[in-house]
N, C-alpha and C. Protein backbone atom coordinates (compact mmCIF):
# COMPACT_ATOMS: atom_id res chain seq x y z
N MET A 1 -27.68 43.90 44.50
CA MET A 1 -27.10 43.48 45.98
C MET A 1 -26.23 44.46 46.15
N PHE A 2 -25.46 44.69 45.48
CA PHE A 2 -23.87 45.49 45.91
C PHE A 2 -24.75 46.91 46.81
N ARG A 3 -25.87 47.45 46.34
CA ARG A 3 -26.61 48.82 47.12
C ARG A 3 -27.04 48.27 48.66
N MET A 4 -26.98 47.12 49.06
CA MET A 4 -27.42 46.24 50.26
C MET A 4 -26.65 46.10 50.89
N ILE A 5 -24.79 46.53 50.30
CA ILE A 5 -23.44 45.92 51.18
C ILE A 5 -23.18 47.93 51.92
N PHE A 6 -22.88 47.34 53.43
CA PHE A 6 -22.37 48.80 53.49
C PHE A 6 -21.16 48.91 53.93
N ILE A 7 -20.74 49.34 53.47
CA ILE A 7 -18.95 50.21 54.30
C ILE A 7 -18.56 50.76 55.13
N ASP A 8 -17.38 49.59 56.04
CA ASP A 8 -17.38 50.04 57.60
C ASP A 8 -16.90 51.25 57.34
N GLU A 9 -17.11 52.52 58.62
CA GLU A 9 -17.07 53.49 58.76
C GLU A 9 -15.40 53.64 58.91
N SER A 10 -14.63 52.62 58.85
CA SER A 10 -13.11 53.09 58.97
C SER A 10 -13.12 53.06 57.47
N GLN A 11 -13.38 51.93 56.57
CA GLN A 11 -12.51 52.59 55.50
C GLN A 11 -13.40 52.54 54.62
N ARG A 12 -14.84 54.23 54.51
CA ARG A 12 -15.47 54.90 53.69
C ARG A 12 -14.64 55.49 52.71
N TYR A 13 -13.44 55.91 53.86
CA TYR A 13 -12.39 57.39 52.75
C TYR A 13 -12.01 56.57 51.42
N LEU A 14 -11.66 55.19 51.88
CA LEU A 14 -11.12 54.99 49.92
C LEU A 14 -12.45 54.47 49.31
N LEU A 15 -13.33 54.66 49.30
CA LEU A 15 -14.43 54.61 48.32
C LEU A 15 -15.21 56.35 48.46
N ARG A 16 -14.32 57.01 47.21
CA ARG A 16 -15.13 58.13 47.16
C ARG A 16 -15.42 58.39 45.56
N ILE A 17 -16.32 60.03 45.65
CA ILE A 17 -16.67 60.15 44.41
C ILE A 17 -16.56 61.69 44.62
N VAL A 18 -15.99 62.57 42.94
CA VAL A 18 -16.03 63.82 43.42
C VAL A 18 -17.19 64.40 42.35
N TRP A 19 -17.99 65.71 42.49
CA TRP A 19 -19.25 65.72 42.46
C TRP A 19 -19.01 67.56 42.16
N LYS A 20 -19.42 67.82 40.63
CA LYS A 20 -19.62 69.11 40.81
C LYS A 20 -20.66 69.14 40.17
N GLU A 21 -21.49 70.49 40.29
CA GLU A 21 -23.14 71.03 39.64
C GLU A 21 -22.83 71.74 38.30
N SER A 22 -21.83 72.77 38.75
CA SER A 22 -21.98 73.26 37.96
C SER A 22 -19.99 73.63 36.52
N ILE A 23 -19.75 73.89 36.48
CA ILE A 23 -18.42 74.54 35.81
C ILE A 23 -17.85 75.48 36.84
N ASP A 24 -18.71 76.01 37.69
CA ASP A 24 -18.32 76.83 37.93
C ASP A 24 -17.79 77.43 39.98
N ASP A 25 -18.99 75.38 40.60
CA ASP A 25 -19.02 75.06 41.48
C ASP A 25 -17.72 74.27 41.76
N TYR A 26 -16.97 74.20 43.12
CA TYR A 26 -15.72 74.05 43.50
C TYR A 26 -17.11 72.61 43.66
N ILE A 27 -15.34 71.38 43.34
CA ILE A 27 -15.33 69.84 43.61
C ILE A 27 -15.54 69.12 44.98
N LYS A 28 -16.92 68.58 45.00
CA LYS A 28 -17.04 68.13 45.94
C LYS A 28 -17.36 66.93 46.22
N THR A 29 -16.31 66.55 47.43
CA THR A 29 -16.00 65.21 47.67
C THR A 29 -17.00 63.81 48.83
N TYR A 30 -17.47 63.49 48.26
CA TYR A 30 -18.19 62.34 48.88
C TYR A 30 -17.73 60.89 49.18
N LYS A 31 -18.11 60.20 50.37
CA LYS A 31 -17.06 59.59 50.95
C LYS A 31 -18.86 58.54 50.29
N MET A 32 -18.46 56.85 50.24
CA MET A 32 -19.96 56.31 49.86
C MET A 32 -19.79 55.37 50.86
N ASN A 33 -21.09 55.05 51.79
CA ASN A 33 -21.96 54.50 52.61
C ASN A 33 -21.80 52.70 52.04
N ARG A 34 -22.22 52.58 51.09
CA ARG A 34 -22.47 51.54 50.33
C ARG A 34 -21.85 51.35 49.47
N VAL A 35 -21.89 50.32 48.90
CA VAL A 35 -21.15 49.79 47.93
C VAL A 35 -21.33 49.82 46.30
N VAL A 36 -21.17 50.62 45.28
CA VAL A 36 -21.62 51.08 44.67
C VAL A 36 -21.45 50.28 43.34
N TYR A 37 -22.16 50.09 42.80
CA TYR A 37 -22.69 49.23 41.55
C TYR A 37 -21.43 49.83 40.38
N GLY A 38 -20.63 49.14 40.32
CA GLY A 38 -19.38 49.62 38.57
C GLY A 38 -18.59 49.84 38.81
N THR A 39 -18.00 49.74 40.48
CA THR A 39 -16.29 49.71 40.91
C THR A 39 -16.15 48.64 41.28
N THR A 40 -14.37 48.03 40.31
CA THR A 40 -13.82 47.00 40.57
C THR A 40 -13.92 46.07 41.48
N CYS A 41 -13.62 46.89 42.65
CA CYS A 41 -14.46 46.06 44.12
C CYS A 41 -15.74 45.45 44.16
N ALA A 42 -17.18 46.18 44.03
CA ALA A 42 -18.10 45.84 43.61
C ALA A 42 -18.20 43.88 44.22
N PRO A 43 -17.49 43.67 42.33
CA PRO A 43 -18.07 41.70 43.07
C PRO A 43 -17.55 41.24 43.93
N TYR A 44 -16.18 41.72 44.15
CA TYR A 44 -15.08 41.06 45.23
C TYR A 44 -16.41 41.18 46.56
N LEU A 45 -16.47 42.18 46.58
CA LEU A 45 -17.54 42.21 48.36
C LEU A 45 -18.46 42.29 48.06
N ALA A 46 -19.60 41.77 47.09
CA ALA A 46 -20.11 40.94 47.29
C ALA A 46 -20.25 39.74 47.61
N GLN A 47 -19.11 38.75 46.93
CA GLN A 47 -18.85 37.36 47.15
C GLN A 47 -18.23 37.36 48.91
N ARG A 48 -17.69 38.07 49.16
CA ARG A 48 -17.11 38.29 50.18
C ARG A 48 -17.63 38.21 51.40
N VAL A 49 -19.53 39.71 51.50
CA VAL A 49 -20.12 39.45 52.05
C VAL A 49 -20.88 37.91 52.10
N LEU A 50 -21.10 37.33 51.19
CA LEU A 50 -21.84 35.80 51.08
C LEU A 50 -20.68 35.35 51.36
N LYS A 51 -19.68 34.58 51.59
CA LYS A 51 -18.92 34.02 52.09
C LYS A 51 -18.78 34.04 53.45
N GLN A 52 -19.43 35.56 54.39
CA GLN A 52 -19.05 35.80 55.66
C GLN A 52 -20.56 35.07 55.75
N LEU A 53 -21.50 35.67 55.43
CA LEU A 53 -22.91 34.66 55.73
C LEU A 53 -22.73 33.33 55.59
N ILE A 54 -22.05 32.84 54.90
CA ILE A 54 -22.28 31.39 55.09
C ILE A 54 -21.40 30.75 56.22
N ARG A 55 -20.53 31.03 56.48
CA ARG A 55 -19.32 31.02 57.49
C ARG A 55 -19.82 31.42 59.19
N ASP A 56 -20.51 32.53 59.04
CA ASP A 56 -21.55 32.64 60.62
C ASP A 56 -22.45 31.75 60.40
N ASP A 57 -23.73 32.16 59.07
CA ASP A 57 -24.86 31.67 59.29
C ASP A 57 -24.93 29.10 58.49
N GLY A 58 -24.59 29.22 57.80
CA GLY A 58 -24.39 28.72 56.33
C GLY A 58 -24.81 27.37 57.41
N HIS A 59 -24.23 26.93 59.07
CA HIS A 59 -24.87 25.52 59.08
C HIS A 59 -26.45 25.33 59.82
N ASN A 60 -27.12 26.99 59.82
CA ASN A 60 -28.68 26.53 59.65
C ASN A 60 -29.15 26.55 58.88
N TYR A 61 -28.12 26.49 57.63
CA TYR A 61 -29.15 26.46 56.49
C TYR A 61 -28.24 25.83 55.38
N PRO A 62 -27.87 24.51 55.50
CA PRO A 62 -27.21 24.02 54.38
C PRO A 62 -27.80 23.54 52.99
N LEU A 63 -28.88 24.07 52.79
CA LEU A 63 -29.13 24.29 51.31
C LEU A 63 -28.56 24.82 51.05
N ALA A 64 -28.98 26.04 50.84
CA ALA A 64 -28.62 27.45 51.24
C ALA A 64 -27.05 28.04 50.98
N SER A 65 -27.00 27.47 51.87
CA SER A 65 -25.40 27.52 51.91
C SER A 65 -24.53 26.44 51.03
N SER A 66 -24.43 25.73 51.05
CA SER A 66 -24.45 25.35 49.19
C SER A 66 -24.40 25.56 47.86
N ALA A 67 -25.65 26.07 47.85
CA ALA A 67 -26.02 26.97 46.81
C ALA A 67 -25.50 28.49 46.64
N ALA A 68 -25.52 29.01 47.19
CA ALA A 68 -24.77 30.18 47.48
C ALA A 68 -22.95 30.72 47.48
N SER A 69 -22.28 29.16 47.72
CA SER A 69 -21.16 28.42 47.60
C SER A 69 -20.70 28.31 46.75
N SER A 70 -21.40 27.68 45.33
CA SER A 70 -21.55 27.33 44.68
C SER A 70 -22.14 27.64 43.15
N ASP A 71 -23.32 28.10 42.84
CA ASP A 71 -23.69 28.55 42.06
C ASP A 71 -24.40 29.90 41.82
N ILE A 72 -23.67 30.78 42.12
CA ILE A 72 -23.03 32.46 42.63
C ILE A 72 -21.82 32.83 41.22
N TYR A 73 -22.75 33.91 40.77
CA TYR A 73 -22.23 34.25 39.11
C TYR A 73 -21.84 35.87 39.57
N MET A 74 -21.03 36.57 40.49
CA MET A 74 -21.66 37.84 40.59
C MET A 74 -22.71 38.42 41.64
N ASP A 75 -23.79 38.78 40.87
CA ASP A 75 -25.10 38.68 41.81
C ASP A 75 -25.84 37.84 41.40
N ASP A 76 -25.80 37.13 40.72
CA ASP A 76 -27.03 36.03 40.07
C ASP A 76 -27.00 33.96 40.63
N LEU A 77 -27.72 34.14 41.08
CA LEU A 77 -27.86 32.99 41.88
C LEU A 77 -28.41 31.49 41.04
N LEU A 78 -28.17 30.90 40.61
CA LEU A 78 -28.83 30.48 38.88
C LEU A 78 -28.98 29.05 39.64
N THR A 79 -29.98 28.31 40.51
CA THR A 79 -29.36 26.55 40.74
C THR A 79 -30.67 26.51 40.68
N GLY A 80 -31.52 24.97 40.65
CA GLY A 80 -31.93 23.85 40.99
C GLY A 80 -32.75 23.24 42.15
N ALA A 81 -33.48 22.05 41.90
CA ALA A 81 -33.48 21.62 42.75
C ALA A 81 -34.13 20.28 42.17
N ALA A 82 -33.89 18.72 42.80
CA ALA A 82 -34.23 17.49 42.68
C ALA A 82 -36.35 17.10 42.03
N ASP A 83 -36.38 18.04 42.90
CA ASP A 83 -37.97 18.21 43.53
C ASP A 83 -38.67 19.86 44.14
N ILE A 84 -40.23 19.65 43.21
CA ILE A 84 -40.54 20.97 44.84
C ILE A 84 -40.47 20.63 45.92
N TYR A 85 -40.44 19.91 46.35
CA TYR A 85 -40.20 20.58 47.92
C TYR A 85 -38.51 20.75 48.87
N SER A 86 -38.24 20.21 47.77
CA SER A 86 -36.47 20.90 48.08
C SER A 86 -36.56 21.72 47.31
N ALA A 87 -37.26 22.70 46.18
CA ALA A 87 -36.90 23.90 45.92
C ALA A 87 -37.42 25.12 46.17
N ILE A 88 -38.35 24.03 47.24
CA ILE A 88 -39.14 25.27 48.10
C ILE A 88 -38.37 25.75 49.59
N GLN A 89 -37.98 24.41 50.19
CA GLN A 89 -37.03 24.62 51.39
C GLN A 89 -35.54 25.66 50.92
N LEU A 90 -34.79 25.00 49.38
CA LEU A 90 -33.98 25.55 49.58
C LEU A 90 -34.45 27.21 49.01
N LYS A 91 -35.20 27.74 49.20
CA LYS A 91 -35.50 28.66 48.07
C LYS A 91 -35.93 30.07 49.57
N GLU A 92 -36.76 29.10 50.74
CA GLU A 92 -36.76 29.56 51.80
C GLU A 92 -35.31 29.77 52.48
N GLN A 93 -34.49 28.63 52.41
CA GLN A 93 -33.22 29.10 53.30
C GLN A 93 -32.74 29.93 52.63
N LEU A 94 -32.31 29.91 51.47
CA LEU A 94 -31.73 31.69 50.83
C LEU A 94 -32.46 32.51 51.00
N ILE A 95 -33.52 32.30 51.28
CA ILE A 95 -34.05 34.53 51.93
C ILE A 95 -33.73 34.41 53.25
N ALA A 96 -34.00 33.15 53.60
CA ALA A 96 -32.62 33.35 55.45
C ALA A 96 -31.10 33.88 55.84
N LEU A 97 -30.80 33.37 55.05
CA LEU A 97 -29.60 33.44 54.71
C LEU A 97 -29.51 34.66 54.62
N CYS A 98 -29.84 35.07 53.66
CA CYS A 98 -28.93 37.18 53.24
C CYS A 98 -30.23 37.61 53.99
N ARG A 99 -31.73 37.73 54.40
CA ARG A 99 -31.55 37.98 55.04
C ARG A 99 -31.02 38.80 56.60
N GLY A 100 -30.29 37.20 56.89
CA GLY A 100 -29.91 37.58 58.04
C GLY A 100 -28.78 38.92 57.78
N GLY A 101 -28.53 39.36 57.12
CA GLY A 101 -27.04 39.90 56.52
C GLY A 101 -27.54 40.95 56.03
N GLY A 102 -29.15 41.19 55.78
CA GLY A 102 -29.82 43.01 56.01
C GLY A 102 -29.73 42.60 54.47
N MET A 103 -30.28 41.50 53.60
CA MET A 103 -30.56 41.40 52.31
C MET A 103 -31.68 41.05 51.39
N GLU A 104 -32.03 40.90 50.86
CA GLU A 104 -33.35 41.15 50.21
C GLU A 104 -32.45 40.68 48.85
N LEU A 105 -33.64 38.93 48.79
CA LEU A 105 -33.09 38.59 47.22
C LEU A 105 -34.25 38.92 46.36
N HIS A 106 -33.94 39.29 44.94
CA HIS A 106 -34.94 39.63 43.97
C HIS A 106 -35.06 38.74 43.02
N LYS A 107 -36.08 39.11 41.80
CA LYS A 107 -36.33 38.98 40.00
C LYS A 107 -36.27 37.40 40.08
N TRP A 108 -37.03 36.99 41.26
CA TRP A 108 -36.61 35.38 41.29
C TRP A 108 -37.21 34.66 39.63
N SER A 109 -37.22 33.73 39.70
CA SER A 109 -37.77 32.62 37.82
C SER A 109 -38.18 31.49 37.76
N SER A 110 -38.76 30.92 37.71
CA SER A 110 -38.84 29.47 37.97
C SER A 110 -39.73 28.55 36.58
N ASN A 111 -39.48 27.99 37.00
CA ASN A 111 -40.42 26.75 35.77
C ASN A 111 -41.62 26.58 36.47
N ARG A 112 -41.80 26.94 37.51
CA ARG A 112 -42.48 25.88 38.64
C ARG A 112 -43.83 26.88 39.67
N LYS A 113 -44.97 27.44 39.24
CA LYS A 113 -46.10 28.55 39.83
C LYS A 113 -46.22 28.34 41.27
N GLU A 114 -45.24 26.81 41.63
CA GLU A 114 -45.68 26.89 43.40
C GLU A 114 -44.16 27.30 43.63
N LEU A 115 -43.53 27.65 43.19
CA LEU A 115 -41.94 28.06 44.10
C LEU A 115 -42.42 29.54 43.92
N LEU A 116 -43.44 30.52 42.63
CA LEU A 116 -42.83 32.14 42.32
C LEU A 116 -44.57 32.32 43.44
N ALA A 117 -45.66 31.88 43.27
CA ALA A 117 -46.94 32.44 44.12
C ALA A 117 -46.56 31.67 45.73
N ASN A 118 -45.57 32.02 46.08
CA ASN A 118 -45.08 31.56 47.77
C ASN A 118 -43.95 32.39 47.88
N SER A 119 -43.77 33.69 46.34
CA SER A 119 -42.54 34.32 46.82
C SER A 119 -43.40 36.20 47.90
N GLU A 120 -41.81 35.82 48.68
CA GLU A 120 -42.28 37.43 50.12
C GLU A 120 -41.16 38.47 49.72
N VAL A 121 -41.39 38.39 48.67
CA VAL A 121 -40.73 39.52 47.73
C VAL A 121 -41.85 40.81 47.31
N SER A 122 -41.34 41.85 46.61
CA SER A 122 -42.67 42.86 46.32
C SER A 122 -43.30 42.40 44.89
N ASP A 123 -44.31 43.18 44.89
CA ASP A 123 -43.82 42.59 43.16
C ASP A 123 -44.24 43.26 41.62
N GLY A 124 -43.07 44.20 42.02
CA GLY A 124 -42.42 44.49 40.92
C GLY A 124 -41.16 43.12 40.45
N ASP A 125 -40.45 42.37 41.36
CA ASP A 125 -39.64 41.67 41.36
C ASP A 125 -39.50 40.00 40.75
N VAL A 126 -41.97 40.02 40.54
CA VAL A 126 -41.30 38.21 40.67
C VAL A 126 -42.79 38.69 40.19
N SER A 127 -42.73 37.66 38.64
CA SER A 127 -43.73 38.08 38.08
C SER A 127 -43.99 36.05 38.58
N LEU A 128 -46.07 36.00 38.41
CA LEU A 128 -46.90 34.67 38.76
C LEU A 128 -46.47 33.53 37.64
N THR A 129 -46.01 34.05 36.35
CA THR A 129 -46.21 32.93 35.93
C THR A 129 -44.68 33.01 34.69
N ILE A 130 -44.74 31.80 34.69
CA ILE A 130 -43.55 30.82 33.82
C ILE A 130 -42.82 31.53 32.82
N PRO A 131 -41.57 32.52 32.81
CA PRO A 131 -41.51 33.56 32.02
C PRO A 131 -40.70 32.64 30.61
N ASP A 132 -40.87 33.13 29.60
CA ASP A 132 -40.22 32.76 28.46
C ASP A 132 -39.41 32.36 28.52
N GLU A 133 -38.04 34.07 28.74
CA GLU A 133 -36.60 33.87 28.82
C GLU A 133 -36.45 34.88 29.99
N THR A 134 -35.25 33.92 30.69
CA THR A 134 -34.83 34.71 32.11
C THR A 134 -33.33 35.40 31.58
N LYS A 135 -32.64 36.00 30.97
CA LYS A 135 -31.30 36.66 31.10
C LYS A 135 -30.43 36.66 32.47
N ALA A 136 -29.51 36.25 32.32
CA ALA A 136 -28.26 36.62 34.02
C ALA A 136 -26.92 36.05 33.34
N LEU A 137 -26.16 36.94 32.95
CA LEU A 137 -25.00 37.18 32.49
C LEU A 137 -25.01 36.30 31.82
N GLY A 138 -25.08 36.64 30.04
CA GLY A 138 -25.19 36.34 28.53
C GLY A 138 -25.69 35.00 28.74
N LEU A 139 -26.15 34.61 29.52
CA LEU A 139 -26.99 33.19 29.50
C LEU A 139 -28.71 33.29 29.29
N LEU A 140 -29.11 32.53 28.31
CA LEU A 140 -30.40 32.60 28.52
C LEU A 140 -31.47 31.20 29.01
N TRP A 141 -32.33 31.49 29.97
CA TRP A 141 -32.77 30.31 29.81
C TRP A 141 -34.39 30.83 30.21
N ARG A 142 -34.51 29.92 29.03
CA ARG A 142 -35.89 29.63 28.91
C ARG A 142 -37.22 28.02 29.51
N GLY A 143 -37.76 29.32 30.03
CA GLY A 143 -39.06 28.78 31.45
C GLY A 143 -39.29 27.72 30.90
N LEU A 144 -40.40 27.73 29.95
CA LEU A 144 -40.89 26.69 29.14
C LEU A 144 -40.73 25.29 28.68
N LYS A 145 -39.47 25.61 27.99
CA LYS A 145 -38.63 24.51 27.62
C LYS A 145 -38.12 23.60 29.03
N ASP A 146 -37.08 24.41 29.94
CA ASP A 146 -36.40 24.59 31.06
C ASP A 146 -35.10 24.48 29.47
N SER A 147 -35.00 24.78 28.91
CA SER A 147 -33.44 24.94 28.29
C SER A 147 -32.88 26.51 28.48
N LEU A 148 -31.09 25.97 28.04
CA LEU A 148 -30.37 26.65 28.20
C LEU A 148 -29.93 27.00 26.57
N ALA A 149 -29.04 28.89 26.58
CA ALA A 149 -29.19 28.97 25.37
C ALA A 149 -27.94 30.30 25.59
N PHE A 150 -27.43 30.66 24.40
CA PHE A 150 -26.75 31.34 24.37
C PHE A 150 -26.43 32.06 23.36
N SER A 151 -26.88 33.69 23.13
CA SER A 151 -27.34 34.31 21.98
C SER A 151 -25.70 34.62 21.16
N VAL A 152 -24.78 35.27 19.87
CA VAL A 152 -23.90 35.69 19.22
C VAL A 152 -24.57 36.36 18.57
N SER A 153 -23.77 36.75 18.17
CA SER A 153 -23.57 38.57 17.69
C SER A 153 -22.73 38.43 16.50
N ALA A 154 -22.76 37.47 15.40
CA ALA A 154 -21.61 38.00 14.57
C ALA A 154 -20.83 38.92 13.29
N ASN A 155 -19.83 39.59 13.77
CA ASN A 155 -19.58 40.52 13.41
C ASN A 155 -19.44 40.46 12.16
N VAL A 156 -20.40 40.62 10.66
CA VAL A 156 -19.68 40.36 9.46
C VAL A 156 -18.75 40.90 8.79
N ASN A 157 -19.06 42.29 9.05
CA ASN A 157 -18.06 43.39 7.79
C ASN A 157 -17.49 43.63 8.58
N SER A 158 -16.17 43.06 9.90
CA SER A 158 -14.82 43.22 10.09
C SER A 158 -14.12 43.11 8.52
N GLU A 159 -12.54 44.18 9.26
CA GLU A 159 -11.86 43.57 7.96
C GLU A 159 -10.61 42.58 8.60
N SER A 160 -10.40 41.74 7.97
CA SER A 160 -9.15 40.41 8.42
C SER A 160 -8.07 40.47 7.03
N ASN A 161 -7.67 39.74 7.46
CA ASN A 161 -6.30 39.42 6.31
C ASN A 161 -6.87 38.70 5.26
N ALA A 162 -8.05 38.39 4.90
CA ALA A 162 -8.31 37.34 3.96
C ALA A 162 -9.40 38.35 3.36
N ASN A 163 -9.31 39.04 3.75
CA ASN A 163 -10.52 40.38 2.91
C ASN A 163 -9.52 41.81 2.13
N LEU A 164 -8.89 41.89 3.17
CA LEU A 164 -7.35 43.35 2.31
C LEU A 164 -7.17 42.50 1.17
């Protein structure tokens, strides 16, 4: 999502990287044209772009506007619908809303094959089978069981006052 967001030309001087091919080369400075993943401003800019899309075109896509306003965390949308017809409408509206801002949605997951078979995205971004597990920001969704889980790893060798 971040790489789909262009930086206004007047603001590009604020997002630069420095580069050096070898130790003997001069340092080169590059202005970035798009938002770069991993920068501190990237999550804010992604959310801000979505809010602007909702403000500008949300009235045309009420289901997408509601989901994009409340069901997105960072660059992951985790949402659902009461029935398959509503889910298909939601998906179509989300695609149209984001496309209006020059963004394509990727990595679709669903526990209903009808939603996956209807995908307008490239082959690498969707599997036509229901996934065993899908991870999004530490949350694990098991599509076949339609359940959510967390994976926690405990550090059993840590030093504490009780062990000293």
